[in-house]
Structure formats: structure tokens, C-alpha cells
Amino acid sequence: MTQRNNFTIQGINRKSLITRMLIGGGVGLIVISLFLSGTGEPNPEWGKFWMLRPLIIVPIATAFGSLSFYSIDFVGSQGTLKKVLAFAFSILSFVISLWLGIVLGLDGTLWN
């Protein structure tokens, strides 16, 4: 009797991965833009281009945070419980990356 391994390695779908990262970065850009639009007169010692730092850091952080949504593709056929858990983990990791991106982006300016 011979034993066969039926393991398959699933490749990375780059289009899906890049699309999810762009959507995550776009959400981060919208959130930080709304947050920055509510600022009044900025402190003069922050410099002229102080808004560039959060406008760059937050979308990058949220783009990498949205990478966890790609894991849903791998557990999609393994049952609804695993899919729901993967979705909950993805939401949590995206929110954490958004929060950390905002903290890193605004450190030294609005959050001194």
C-alpha cells in the first residue's frame, strides 16, 4: 500500500493582495485626512510641512494591516467558523494598524 500526500501549495494572487492593500491604504488616508482637517491653527514650531508625516505613515501602516484580509482566501473553504474567525482577526489587526499608524504619524505634533 502506498501513501499519497494530497497537500497542495496555494500560490499568492498578487492582484487580490495589491487590491486589498490599496483599499486599506485608501481607508487610512481618508481617516487621517478627516482627522487632520479638524485641526485649527497648528503650532508654528512644528514646521511648514508637518502634515506630510501622518499623511504618509498612516496609509502605509493600514496597507500592511490590511494584508491580514488576504488570509480569508486561504480559510474560505474550511468552514464558516474559521472564515468568521479569520474575518474577526483581520478587522482587529486592521484597527490596531490604523491606531498605531495614527499614533506614529502624529507623534511630536498633535500628540506631543
PDB file of N, CA and C in Angstrom:
ATOM      1  N   MET A   1       0.844  -1.165   0.000  1.00  0.00           N
ATOM      2  CA  MET A   1       0.000   0.000   0.000  1.00  0.00           C
ATOM      3  C   MET A   1       0.900   1.241   0.000  1.00  0.00           C
ATOM      4  N   THR A   2       0.645   2.115  -0.902  1.00  0.00           N
ATOM      5  CA  THR A   2       1.419   3.361  -0.959  1.00  0.00           C
ATOM      6  C   THR A   2       0.583   4.504  -0.417  1.00  0.00           C
ATOM      7  N   GLN A   3       1.269   5.380   0.248  1.00  0.00           N
ATOM      8  CA  GLN A   3       0.590   6.526   0.831  1.00  0.00           C
ATOM      9  C   GLN A   3       0.853   7.753  -0.043  1.00  0.00           C
ATOM     10  N   ARG A   4      -0.195   8.501  -0.325  1.00  0.00           N
ATOM     11  CA  ARG A   4      -0.071   9.679  -1.181  1.00  0.00           C
ATOM     12  C   ARG A   4      -0.362  10.915  -0.348  1.00  0.00           C
ATOM     13  N   ASN A   5       0.408  11.916  -0.561  1.00  0.00           N
ATOM     14  CA  ASN A   5       0.157  13.208   0.074  1.00  0.00           C
ATOM     15  C   ASN A   5      -0.645  14.069  -0.877  1.00  0.00           C
ATOM     16  N   ASN A   6      -1.739  14.556  -0.394  1.00  0.00           N
ATOM     17  CA  ASN A   6      -2.595  15.407  -1.210  1.00  0.00           C
ATOM     18  C   ASN A   6      -2.472  16.877  -0.820  1.00  0.00           C
ATOM     19  N   PHE A   7      -1.324  17.244  -0.338  1.00  0.00           N
ATOM     20  CA  PHE A   7      -1.101  18.631   0.030  1.00  0.00           C
ATOM     21  C   PHE A   7      -0.784  19.450  -1.217  1.00  0.00           C
ATOM     22  N   THR A   8      -1.422  20.565  -1.307  1.00  0.00           N
ATOM     23  CA  THR A   8      -1.131  21.460  -2.422  1.00  0.00           C
ATOM     24  C   THR A   8      -0.710  22.810  -1.853  1.00  0.00           C
ATOM     25  N   ILE A   9       0.171  23.435  -2.513  1.00  0.00           N
ATOM     26  CA  ILE A   9       0.626  24.764  -2.111  1.00  0.00           C
ATOM     27  C   ILE A   9      -0.115  25.773  -2.966  1.00  0.00           C
ATOM     28  N   GLN A  10      -0.810  26.640  -2.282  1.00  0.00           N
ATOM     29  CA  GLN A  10      -1.592  27.650  -2.987  1.00  0.00           C
ATOM     30  C   GLN A  10      -0.702  28.871  -3.220  1.00  0.00           C
ATOM     31  N   GLY A  11      -0.659  29.329  -4.441  1.00  0.00           N
ATOM     32  CA  GLY A  11       0.156  30.487  -4.773  1.00  0.00           C
ATOM     33  C   GLY A  11      -0.484  31.786  -4.317  1.00  0.00           C
ATOM     34  N   ILE A  12       0.291  32.830  -4.380  1.00  0.00           N
ATOM     35  CA  ILE A  12      -0.184  34.150  -3.971  1.00  0.00           C
ATOM     36  C   ILE A  12      -0.813  34.836  -5.171  1.00  0.00           C
ATOM     37  N   ASN A  13      -2.015  35.294  -4.989  1.00  0.00           N
ATOM     38  CA  ASN A  13      -2.715  36.045  -6.017  1.00  0.00           C
ATOM     39  C   ASN A  13      -2.337  37.517  -5.840  1.00  0.00           C
ATOM     40  N   ARG A  14      -1.398  37.975  -6.616  1.00  0.00           N
ATOM     41  CA  ARG A  14      -0.856  39.329  -6.438  1.00  0.00           C
ATOM     42  C   ARG A  14      -1.894  40.417  -6.666  1.00  0.00           C
ATOM     43  N   LYS A  15      -2.771  40.204  -7.624  1.00  0.00           N
ATOM     44  CA  LYS A  15      -3.784  41.219  -7.917  1.00  0.00           C
ATOM     45  C   LYS A  15      -4.707  41.420  -6.719  1.00  0.00           C
ATOM     46  N   SER A  16      -5.144  40.336  -6.125  1.00  0.00           N
ATOM     47  CA  SER A  16      -6.009  40.417  -4.952  1.00  0.00           C
ATOM     48  C   SER A  16      -5.272  41.040  -3.769  1.00  0.00           C
ATOM     49  N   LEU A  17      -4.030  40.658  -3.595  1.00  0.00           N
ATOM     50  CA  LEU A  17      -3.216  41.191  -2.495  1.00  0.00           C
ATOM     51  C   LEU A  17      -2.992  42.693  -2.642  1.00  0.00           C
ATOM     52  N   ILE A  18      -2.628  43.136  -3.819  1.00  0.00           N
ATOM     53  CA  ILE A  18      -2.382  44.564  -4.064  1.00  0.00           C
ATOM     54  C   ILE A  18      -3.676  45.358  -3.955  1.00  0.00           C
ATOM     55  N   THR A  19      -4.774  44.793  -4.432  1.00  0.00           N
ATOM     56  CA  THR A  19      -6.062  45.482  -4.332  1.00  0.00           C
ATOM     57  C   THR A  19      -6.453  45.702  -2.878  1.00  0.00           C
ATOM     58  N   ARG A  20      -6.286  44.696  -2.053  1.00  0.00           N
ATOM     59  CA  ARG A  20      -6.630  44.830  -0.639  1.00  0.00           C
ATOM     60  C   ARG A  20      -5.714  45.819   0.064  1.00  0.00           C
ATOM     61  N   MET A  21      -4.443  45.830  -0.302  1.00  0.00           N
ATOM     62  CA  MET A  21      -3.528  46.799   0.305  1.00  0.00           C
ATOM     63  C   MET A  21      -3.873  48.224  -0.114  1.00  0.00           C
ATOM     64  N   LEU A  22      -4.247  48.421  -1.371  1.00  0.00           N
ATOM     65  CA  LEU A  22      -4.632  49.754  -1.831  1.00  0.00           C
ATOM     66  C   LEU A  22      -5.920  50.237  -1.159  1.00  0.00           C
ATOM     67  N   ILE A  23      -6.859  49.335  -0.969  1.00  0.00           N
ATOM     68  CA  ILE A  23      -8.093  49.708  -0.278  1.00  0.00           C
ATOM     69  C   ILE A  23      -7.791  50.068   1.174  1.00  0.00           C
ATOM     70  N   GLY A  24      -6.965  49.275   1.833  1.00  0.00           N
ATOM     71  CA  GLY A  24      -6.595  49.570   3.218  1.00  0.00           C
ATOM     72  C   GLY A  24      -5.846  50.889   3.343  1.00  0.00           C
ATOM     73  N   GLY A  25      -4.926  51.139   2.427  1.00  0.00           N
ATOM     74  CA  GLY A  25      -4.210  52.414   2.439  1.00  0.00           C
ATOM     75  C   GLY A  25      -5.125  53.589   2.163  1.00  0.00           C
ATOM     76  N   GLY A  26      -6.097  53.391   1.277  1.00  0.00           N
ATOM     77  CA  GLY A  26      -7.070  54.450   0.989  1.00  0.00           C
ATOM     78  C   GLY A  26      -7.942  54.766   2.186  1.00  0.00           C
ATOM     79  N   VAL A  27      -8.351  53.721   2.917  1.00  0.00           N
ATOM     80  CA  VAL A  27      -9.150  53.944   4.130  1.00  0.00           C
ATOM     81  C   VAL A  27      -8.323  54.713   5.160  1.00  0.00           C
ATOM     82  N   GLY A  28      -7.068  54.332   5.314  1.00  0.00           N
ATOM     83  CA  GLY A  28      -6.192  55.045   6.248  1.00  0.00           C
ATOM     84  C   GLY A  28      -5.992  56.496   5.848  1.00  0.00           C
ATOM     85  N   LEU A  29      -5.848  56.749   4.560  1.00  0.00           N
ATOM     86  CA  LEU A  29      -5.677  58.119   4.074  1.00  0.00           C
ATOM     87  C   LEU A  29      -6.928  58.951   4.328  1.00  0.00           C
ATOM     88  N   ILE A  30      -8.088  58.361   4.125  1.00  0.00           N
ATOM     89  CA  ILE A  30      -9.338  59.089   4.376  1.00  0.00           C
ATOM     90  C   ILE A  30      -9.494  59.401   5.863  1.00  0.00           C
ATOM     91  N   VAL A  31      -9.198  58.421   6.718  1.00  0.00           N
ATOM     92  CA  VAL A  31      -9.349  58.630   8.162  1.00  0.00           C
ATOM     93  C   VAL A  31      -8.406  59.714   8.654  1.00  0.00           C
ATOM     94  N   ILE A  32      -7.145  59.666   8.267  1.00  0.00           N
ATOM     95  CA  ILE A  32      -6.194  60.677   8.752  1.00  0.00           C
ATOM     96  C   ILE A  32      -6.476  62.034   8.120  1.00  0.00           C
ATOM     97  N   SER A  33      -6.981  62.065   6.903  1.00  0.00           N
ATOM     98  CA  SER A  33      -7.347  63.340   6.278  1.00  0.00           C
ATOM     99  C   SER A  33      -8.511  63.992   7.016  1.00  0.00           C
ATOM    100  N   LEU A  34      -9.494  63.190   7.402  1.00  0.00           N
ATOM    101  CA  LEU A  34     -10.607  63.731   8.187  1.00  0.00           C
ATOM    102  C   LEU A  34     -10.137  64.207   9.548  1.00  0.00           C
ATOM    103  N   PHE A  35      -9.216  63.478  10.145  1.00  0.00           N
ATOM    104  CA  PHE A  35      -8.683  63.859  11.443  1.00  0.00           C
ATOM    105  C   PHE A  35      -7.878  65.153  11.352  1.00  0.00           C
ATOM    106  N   LEU A  36      -7.084  65.286  10.314  1.00  0.00           N
ATOM    107  CA  LEU A  36      -6.251  66.482  10.156  1.00  0.00           C
ATOM    108  C   LEU A  36      -7.050  67.700   9.709  1.00  0.00           C
ATOM    109  N   SER A  37      -8.161  67.481   9.035  1.00  0.00           N
ATOM    110  CA  SER A  37      -8.953  68.618   8.578  1.00  0.00           C
ATOM    111  C   SER A  37      -9.621  69.352   9.736  1.00  0.00           C
ATOM    112  N   GLY A  38      -9.742  68.695  10.865  1.00  0.00           N
ATOM    113  CA  GLY A  38     -10.345  69.324  12.029  1.00  0.00           C
ATOM    114  C   GLY A  38      -9.372  70.115  12.885  1.00  0.00           C
ATOM    115  N   THR A  39      -8.119  70.141  12.498  1.00  0.00           N
ATOM    116  CA  THR A  39      -7.140  70.893  13.296  1.00  0.00           C
ATOM    117  C   THR A  39      -7.280  72.375  12.995  1.00  0.00           C
ATOM    118  N   GLY A  40      -7.113  73.147  14.025  1.00  0.00           N
ATOM    119  CA  GLY A  40      -7.188  74.596  13.862  1.00  0.00           C
ATOM    120  C   GLY A  40      -5.849  75.147  13.407  1.00  0.00           C
ATOM    121  N   GLU A  41      -5.399  76.137  14.095  1.00  0.00           N
ATOM    122  CA  GLU A  41      -4.110  76.757  13.785  1.00  0.00           C
ATOM    123  C   GLU A  41      -2.997  75.884  14.360  1.00  0.00           C
ATOM    124  N   PRO A  42      -2.103  75.356  13.511  1.00  0.00           N
ATOM    125  CA  PRO A  42      -1.036  74.482  14.022  1.00  0.00           C
ATOM    126  C   PRO A  42       0.036  75.290  14.766  1.00  0.00           C
ATOM    127  N   ASN A  43       0.764  74.582  15.587  1.00  0.00           N
ATOM    128  CA  ASN A  43       1.862  75.181  16.326  1.00  0.00           C
ATOM    129  C   ASN A  43       2.970  75.582  15.347  1.00  0.00           C
ATOM    130  N   PRO A  44       3.478  76.810  15.400  1.00  0.00           N
ATOM    131  CA  PRO A  44       4.491  77.237  14.432  1.00  0.00           C
ATOM    132  C   PRO A  44       5.809  76.474  14.528  1.00  0.00           C
ATOM    133  N   GLU A  45       6.110  75.891  15.663  1.00  0.00           N
ATOM    134  CA  GLU A  45       7.384  75.176  15.787  1.00  0.00           C
ATOM    135  C   GLU A  45       7.335  73.774  15.174  1.00  0.00           C
ATOM    136  N   TRP A  46       6.185  73.328  14.690  1.00  0.00           N
ATOM    137  CA  TRP A  46       6.099  72.033  14.029  1.00  0.00           C
ATOM    138  C   TRP A  46       6.660  72.062  12.619  1.00  0.00           C
ATOM    139  N   GLY A  47       6.784  73.199  12.063  1.00  0.00           N
ATOM    140  CA  GLY A  47       7.290  73.302  10.698  1.00  0.00           C
ATOM    141  C   GLY A  47       6.168  73.507   9.700  1.00  0.00           C
ATOM    142  N   LYS A  48       6.576  73.803   8.502  1.00  0.00           N
ATOM    143  CA  LYS A  48       5.627  74.140   7.445  1.00  0.00           C
ATOM    144  C   LYS A  48       4.890  72.909   6.893  1.00  0.00           C
ATOM    145  N   PHE A  49       5.588  71.801   6.813  1.00  0.00           N
ATOM    146  CA  PHE A  49       5.025  70.590   6.192  1.00  0.00           C
ATOM    147  C   PHE A  49       4.764  69.495   7.231  1.00  0.00           C
ATOM    148  N   TRP A  50       4.244  69.833   8.379  1.00  0.00           N
ATOM    149  CA  TRP A  50       4.051  68.863   9.443  1.00  0.00           C
ATOM    150  C   TRP A  50       2.993  67.823   9.094  1.00  0.00           C
ATOM    151  N   MET A  51       2.078  68.139   8.186  1.00  0.00           N
ATOM    152  CA  MET A  51       1.012  67.197   7.833  1.00  0.00           C
ATOM    153  C   MET A  51       1.494  66.060   6.929  1.00  0.00           C
ATOM    154  N   LEU A  52       2.654  66.202   6.317  1.00  0.00           N
ATOM    155  CA  LEU A  52       3.141  65.152   5.415  1.00  0.00           C
ATOM    156  C   LEU A  52       3.434  63.853   6.146  1.00  0.00           C
ATOM    157  N   ARG A  53       3.984  63.958   7.353  1.00  0.00           N
ATOM    158  CA  ARG A  53       4.340  62.748   8.093  1.00  0.00           C
ATOM    159  C   ARG A  53       3.122  61.852   8.344  1.00  0.00           C
ATOM    160  N   PRO A  54       2.026  62.359   8.941  1.00  0.00           N
ATOM    161  CA  PRO A  54       0.884  61.461   9.129  1.00  0.00           C
ATOM    162  C   PRO A  54       0.227  61.031   7.819  1.00  0.00           C
ATOM    163  N   LEU A  55       0.272  61.884   6.795  1.00  0.00           N
ATOM    164  CA  LEU A  55      -0.343  61.527   5.512  1.00  0.00           C
ATOM    165  C   LEU A  55       0.444  60.446   4.771  1.00  0.00           C
ATOM    166  N   ILE A  56       1.682  60.212   5.176  1.00  0.00           N
ATOM    167  CA  ILE A  56       2.483  59.143   4.577  1.00  0.00           C
ATOM    168  C   ILE A  56       2.461  57.889   5.444  1.00  0.00           C
ATOM    169  N   ILE A  57       2.637  58.056   6.756  1.00  0.00           N
ATOM    170  CA  ILE A  57       2.778  56.911   7.654  1.00  0.00           C
ATOM    171  C   ILE A  57       1.474  56.134   7.812  1.00  0.00           C
ATOM    172  N   VAL A  58       0.359  56.818   7.981  1.00  0.00           N
ATOM    173  CA  VAL A  58      -0.911  56.127   8.246  1.00  0.00           C
ATOM    174  C   VAL A  58      -1.351  55.249   7.067  1.00  0.00           C
ATOM    175  N   PRO A  59      -1.327  55.732   5.817  1.00  0.00           N
ATOM    176  CA  PRO A  59      -1.707  54.825   4.726  1.00  0.00           C
ATOM    177  C   PRO A  59      -0.770  53.621   4.578  1.00  0.00           C
ATOM    178  N   ILE A  60       0.509  53.805   4.846  1.00  0.00           N
ATOM    179  CA  ILE A  60       1.435  52.669   4.767  1.00  0.00           C
ATOM    180  C   ILE A  60       1.116  51.652   5.849  1.00  0.00           C
ATOM    181  N   ALA A  61       0.870  52.128   7.070  1.00  0.00           N
ATOM    182  CA  ALA A  61       0.545  51.212   8.175  1.00  0.00           C
ATOM    183  C   ALA A  61      -0.755  50.469   7.917  1.00  0.00           C
ATOM    184  N   THR A  62      -1.762  51.157   7.427  1.00  0.00           N
ATOM    185  CA  THR A  62      -3.040  50.485   7.186  1.00  0.00           C
ATOM    186  C   THR A  62      -2.982  49.564   5.968  1.00  0.00           C
ATOM    187  N   ALA A  63      -2.131  49.886   5.008  1.00  0.00           N
ATOM    188  CA  ALA A  63      -1.963  48.978   3.868  1.00  0.00           C
ATOM    189  C   ALA A  63      -1.375  47.656   4.343  1.00  0.00           C
ATOM    190  N   PHE A  64      -0.386  47.717   5.217  1.00  0.00           N
ATOM    191  CA  PHE A  64       0.173  46.474   5.736  1.00  0.00           C
ATOM    192  C   PHE A  64      -0.777  45.800   6.724  1.00  0.00           C
ATOM    193  N   GLY A  65      -1.599  46.578   7.407  1.00  0.00           N
ATOM    194  CA  GLY A  65      -2.601  45.994   8.282  1.00  0.00           C
ATOM    195  C   GLY A  65      -3.689  45.266   7.516  1.00  0.00           C
ATOM    196  N   SER A  66      -3.961  45.717   6.316  1.00  0.00           N
ATOM    197  CA  SER A  66      -4.990  45.053   5.506  1.00  0.00           C
ATOM    198  C   SER A  66      -4.471  43.776   4.840  1.00  0.00           C
ATOM    199  N   LEU A  67      -3.208  43.470   5.004  1.00  0.00           N
ATOM    200  CA  LEU A  67      -2.686  42.196   4.498  1.00  0.00           C
ATOM    201  C   LEU A  67      -3.366  41.008   5.161  1.00  0.00           C
ATOM    202  N   SER A  68      -3.840  41.200   6.376  1.00  0.00           N
ATOM    203  CA  SER A  68      -4.488  40.091   7.077  1.00  0.00           C
ATOM    204  C   SER A  68      -5.800  39.681   6.411  1.00  0.00           C
ATOM    205  N   PHE A  69      -6.416  40.572   5.652  1.00  0.00           N
ATOM    206  CA  PHE A  69      -7.636  40.205   4.942  1.00  0.00           C
ATOM    207  C   PHE A  69      -7.364  39.174   3.845  1.00  0.00           C
ATOM    208  N   TYR A  70      -6.132  39.069   3.442  1.00  0.00           N
ATOM    209  CA  TYR A  70      -5.777  38.069   2.430  1.00  0.00           C
ATOM    210  C   TYR A  70      -5.864  36.659   3.004  1.00  0.00           C
ATOM    211  N   SER A  71      -5.748  36.524   4.330  1.00  0.00           N
ATOM    212  CA  SER A  71      -5.819  35.201   4.948  1.00  0.00           C
ATOM    213  C   SER A  71      -7.210  34.576   4.823  1.00  0.00           C
ATOM    214  N   ILE A  72      -8.221  35.394   4.589  1.00  0.00           N
ATOM    215  CA  ILE A  72      -9.575  34.866   4.438  1.00  0.00           C
ATOM    216  C   ILE A  72      -9.671  33.968   3.206  1.00  0.00           C
ATOM    217  N   ASP A  73      -8.890  34.254   2.176  1.00  0.00           N
ATOM    218  CA  ASP A  73      -8.897  33.418   0.974  1.00  0.00           C
ATOM    219  C   ASP A  73      -8.409  32.005   1.264  1.00  0.00           C
ATOM    220  N   PHE A  74      -7.473  31.879   2.206  1.00  0.00           N
ATOM    221  CA  PHE A  74      -6.910  30.564   2.493  1.00  0.00           C
ATOM    222  C   PHE A  74      -7.821  29.706   3.353  1.00  0.00           C
ATOM    223  N   VAL A  75      -8.652  30.323   4.179  1.00  0.00           N
ATOM    224  CA  VAL A  75      -9.532  29.542   5.049  1.00  0.00           C
ATOM    225  C   VAL A  75     -10.971  29.557   4.558  1.00  0.00           C
ATOM    226  N   GLY A  76     -11.204  30.107   3.395  1.00  0.00           N
ATOM    227  CA  GLY A  76     -12.560  30.224   2.875  1.00  0.00           C
ATOM    228  C   GLY A  76     -13.263  28.909   2.657  1.00  0.00           C
ATOM    229  N   SER A  77     -12.541  27.877   2.299  1.00  0.00           N
ATOM    230  CA  SER A  77     -13.183  26.595   2.017  1.00  0.00           C
ATOM    231  C   SER A  77     -13.113  25.637   3.206  1.00  0.00           C
ATOM    232  N   GLN A  78     -12.670  26.110   4.357  1.00  0.00           N
ATOM    233  CA  GLN A  78     -12.509  25.227   5.509  1.00  0.00           C
ATOM    234  C   GLN A  78     -13.645  25.327   6.514  1.00  0.00           C
ATOM    235  N   GLY A  79     -14.693  26.009   6.178  1.00  0.00           N
ATOM    236  CA  GLY A  79     -15.837  26.096   7.076  1.00  0.00           C
ATOM    237  C   GLY A  79     -16.130  27.528   7.466  1.00  0.00           C
ATOM    238  N   THR A  80     -17.365  27.737   7.876  1.00  0.00           N
ATOM    239  CA  THR A  80     -17.782  29.111   8.177  1.00  0.00           C
ATOM    240  C   THR A  80     -17.190  29.623   9.482  1.00  0.00           C
ATOM    241  N   LEU A  81     -16.981  28.763  10.469  1.00  0.00           N
ATOM    242  CA  LEU A  81     -16.414  29.217  11.734  1.00  0.00           C
ATOM    243  C   LEU A  81     -15.001  29.755  11.540  1.00  0.00           C
ATOM    244  N   LYS A  82     -14.202  29.040  10.780  1.00  0.00           N
ATOM    245  CA  LYS A  82     -12.837  29.507  10.523  1.00  0.00           C
ATOM    246  C   LYS A  82     -12.838  30.796   9.708  1.00  0.00           C
ATOM    247  N   LYS A  83     -13.784  30.896   8.797  1.00  0.00           N
ATOM    248  CA  LYS A  83     -13.881  32.111   7.985  1.00  0.00           C
ATOM    249  C   LYS A  83     -14.285  33.309   8.844  1.00  0.00           C
ATOM    250  N   VAL A  84     -15.227  33.109   9.761  1.00  0.00           N
ATOM    251  CA  VAL A  84     -15.652  34.188  10.655  1.00  0.00           C
ATOM    252  C   VAL A  84     -14.507  34.587  11.582  1.00  0.00           C
ATOM    253  N   LEU A  85     -13.784  33.602  12.118  1.00  0.00           N
ATOM    254  CA  LEU A  85     -12.641  33.907  12.978  1.00  0.00           C
ATOM    255  C   LEU A  85     -11.540  34.642  12.217  1.00  0.00           C
ATOM    256  N   ALA A  86     -11.286  34.256  10.993  1.00  0.00           N
ATOM    257  CA  ALA A  86     -10.279  34.941  10.181  1.00  0.00           C
ATOM    258  C   ALA A  86     -10.714  36.371   9.883  1.00  0.00           C
ATOM    259  N   PHE A  87     -12.007  36.577   9.633  1.00  0.00           N
ATOM    260  CA  PHE A  87     -12.508  37.926   9.379  1.00  0.00           C
ATOM    261  C   PHE A  87     -12.398  38.791  10.631  1.00  0.00           C
ATOM    262  N   ALA A  88     -12.730  38.226  11.790  1.00  0.00           N
ATOM    263  CA  ALA A  88     -12.620  38.974  13.045  1.00  0.00           C
ATOM    264  C   ALA A  88     -11.165  39.331  13.336  1.00  0.00           C
ATOM    265  N   PHE A  89     -10.254  38.393  13.097  1.00  0.00           N
ATOM    266  CA  PHE A  89      -8.828  38.669  13.272  1.00  0.00           C
ATOM    267  C   PHE A  89      -8.360  39.756  12.313  1.00  0.00           C
ATOM    268  N   SER A  90      -8.849  39.734  11.096  1.00  0.00           N
ATOM    269  CA  SER A  90      -8.462  40.733  10.103  1.00  0.00           C
ATOM    270  C   SER A  90      -8.948  42.126  10.493  1.00  0.00           C
ATOM    271  N   ILE A  91     -10.182  42.224  10.962  1.00  0.00           N
ATOM    272  CA  ILE A  91     -10.717  43.514  11.408  1.00  0.00           C
ATOM    273  C   ILE A  91      -9.893  44.040  12.580  1.00  0.00           C
ATOM    274  N   LEU A  92      -9.601  43.160  13.544  1.00  0.00           N
ATOM    275  CA  LEU A  92      -8.824  43.567  14.717  1.00  0.00           C
ATOM    276  C   LEU A  92      -7.426  44.033  14.335  1.00  0.00           C
ATOM    277  N   SER A  93      -6.767  43.311  13.455  1.00  0.00           N
ATOM    278  CA  SER A  93      -5.415  43.708  13.058  1.00  0.00           C
ATOM    279  C   SER A  93      -5.434  44.996  12.231  1.00  0.00           C
ATOM    280  N   PHE A  94      -6.485  45.222  11.445  1.00  0.00           N
ATOM    281  CA  PHE A  94      -6.573  46.461  10.688  1.00  0.00           C
ATOM    282  C   PHE A  94      -6.781  47.648  11.618  1.00  0.00           C
ATOM    283  N   VAL A  95      -7.646  47.489  12.622  1.00  0.00           N
ATOM    284  CA  VAL A  95      -7.901  48.575  13.567  1.00  0.00           C
ATOM    285  C   VAL A  95      -6.642  48.883  14.373  1.00  0.00           C
ATOM    286  N   ILE A  96      -5.911  47.851  14.780  1.00  0.00           N
ATOM    287  CA  ILE A  96      -4.665  48.068  15.517  1.00  0.00           C
ATOM    288  C   ILE A  96      -3.640  48.784  14.642  1.00  0.00           C
ATOM    289  N   SER A  97      -3.531  48.392  13.382  1.00  0.00           N
ATOM    290  CA  SER A  97      -2.568  49.062  12.496  1.00  0.00           C
ATOM    291  C   SER A  97      -2.981  50.503  12.219  1.00  0.00           C
ATOM    292  N   LEU A  98      -4.279  50.765  12.128  1.00  0.00           N
ATOM    293  CA  LEU A  98      -4.753  52.136  11.952  1.00  0.00           C
ATOM    294  C   LEU A  98      -4.408  52.968  13.176  1.00  0.00           C
ATOM    295  N   TRP A  99      -4.657  52.426  14.352  1.00  0.00           N
ATOM    296  CA  TRP A  99      -4.360  53.131  15.593  1.00  0.00           C
ATOM    297  C   TRP A  99      -2.863  53.401  15.735  1.00  0.00           C
ATOM    298  N   LEU A 100      -2.034  52.394  15.493  1.00  0.00           N
ATOM    299  CA  LEU A 100      -0.585  52.586  15.595  1.00  0.00           C
ATOM    300  C   LEU A 100      -0.067  53.559  14.542  1.00  0.00           C
ATOM    301  N   GLY A 101      -0.628  53.522  13.352  1.00  0.00           N
ATOM    302  CA  GLY A 101      -0.222  54.465  12.317  1.00  0.00           C
ATOM    303  C   GLY A 101      -0.555  55.899  12.691  1.00  0.00           C
ATOM    304  N   ILE A 102      -1.730  56.103  13.279  1.00  0.00           N
ATOM    305  CA  ILE A 102      -2.115  57.450  13.705  1.00  0.00           C
ATOM    306  C   ILE A 102      -1.203  57.929  14.825  1.00  0.00           C
ATOM    307  N   VAL A 103      -0.908  57.049  15.775  1.00  0.00           N
ATOM    308  CA  VAL A 103      -0.023  57.429  16.881  1.00  0.00           C
ATOM    309  C   VAL A 103       1.373  57.763  16.356  1.00  0.00           C
ATOM    310  N   LEU A 104       1.913  56.933  15.467  1.00  0.00           N
ATOM    311  CA  LEU A 104       3.249  57.204  14.920  1.00  0.00           C
ATOM    312  C   LEU A 104       3.266  58.445  14.035  1.00  0.00           C
ATOM    313  N   GLY A 105       2.203  58.661  13.304  1.00  0.00           N
ATOM    314  CA  GLY A 105       2.159  59.801  12.401  1.00  0.00           C
ATOM    315  C   GLY A 105       2.005  61.132  13.120  1.00  0.00           C
ATOM    316  N   LEU A 106       1.262  61.122  14.200  1.00  0.00           N
ATOM    317  CA  LEU A 106       1.008  62.368  14.913  1.00  0.00           C
ATOM    318  C   LEU A 106       1.927  62.590  16.106  1.00  0.00           C
ATOM    319  N   ASP A 107       2.844  61.684  16.365  1.00  0.00           N
ATOM    320  CA  ASP A 107       3.772  61.835  17.472  1.00  0.00           C
ATOM    321  C   ASP A 107       4.660  63.057  17.246  1.00  0.00           C
ATOM    322  N   GLY A 108       4.678  63.936  18.220  1.00  0.00           N
ATOM    323  CA  GLY A 108       5.503  65.131  18.131  1.00  0.00           C
ATOM    324  C   GLY A 108       4.775  66.326  17.557  1.00  0.00           C
ATOM    325  N   THR A 109       3.573  66.125  17.040  1.00  0.00           N
ATOM    326  CA  THR A 109       2.819  67.262  16.526  1.00  0.00           C
ATOM    327  C   THR A 109       1.553  67.435  17.352  1.00  0.00           C
ATOM    328  N   LEU A 110       0.466  66.849  16.935  1.00  0.00           N
ATOM    329  CA  LEU A 110      -0.784  66.981  17.681  1.00  0.00           C
ATOM    330  C   LEU A 110      -0.755  66.211  18.995  1.00  0.00           C
ATOM    331  N   TRP A 111      -0.033  65.088  19.033  1.00  0.00           N
ATOM    332  CA  TRP A 111       0.087  64.322  20.263  1.00  0.00           C
ATOM    333  C   TRP A 111       1.510  64.446  20.757  1.00  0.00           C
ATOM    334  N   ASN A 112       1.761  65.468  21.507  1.00  0.00           N
ATOM    335  CA  ASN A 112       3.107  65.730  21.993  1.00  0.00           C
ATOM    336  C   ASN A 112       3.309  65.109  23.349  1.00  0.00           C
TER     337      ASN A 112
END
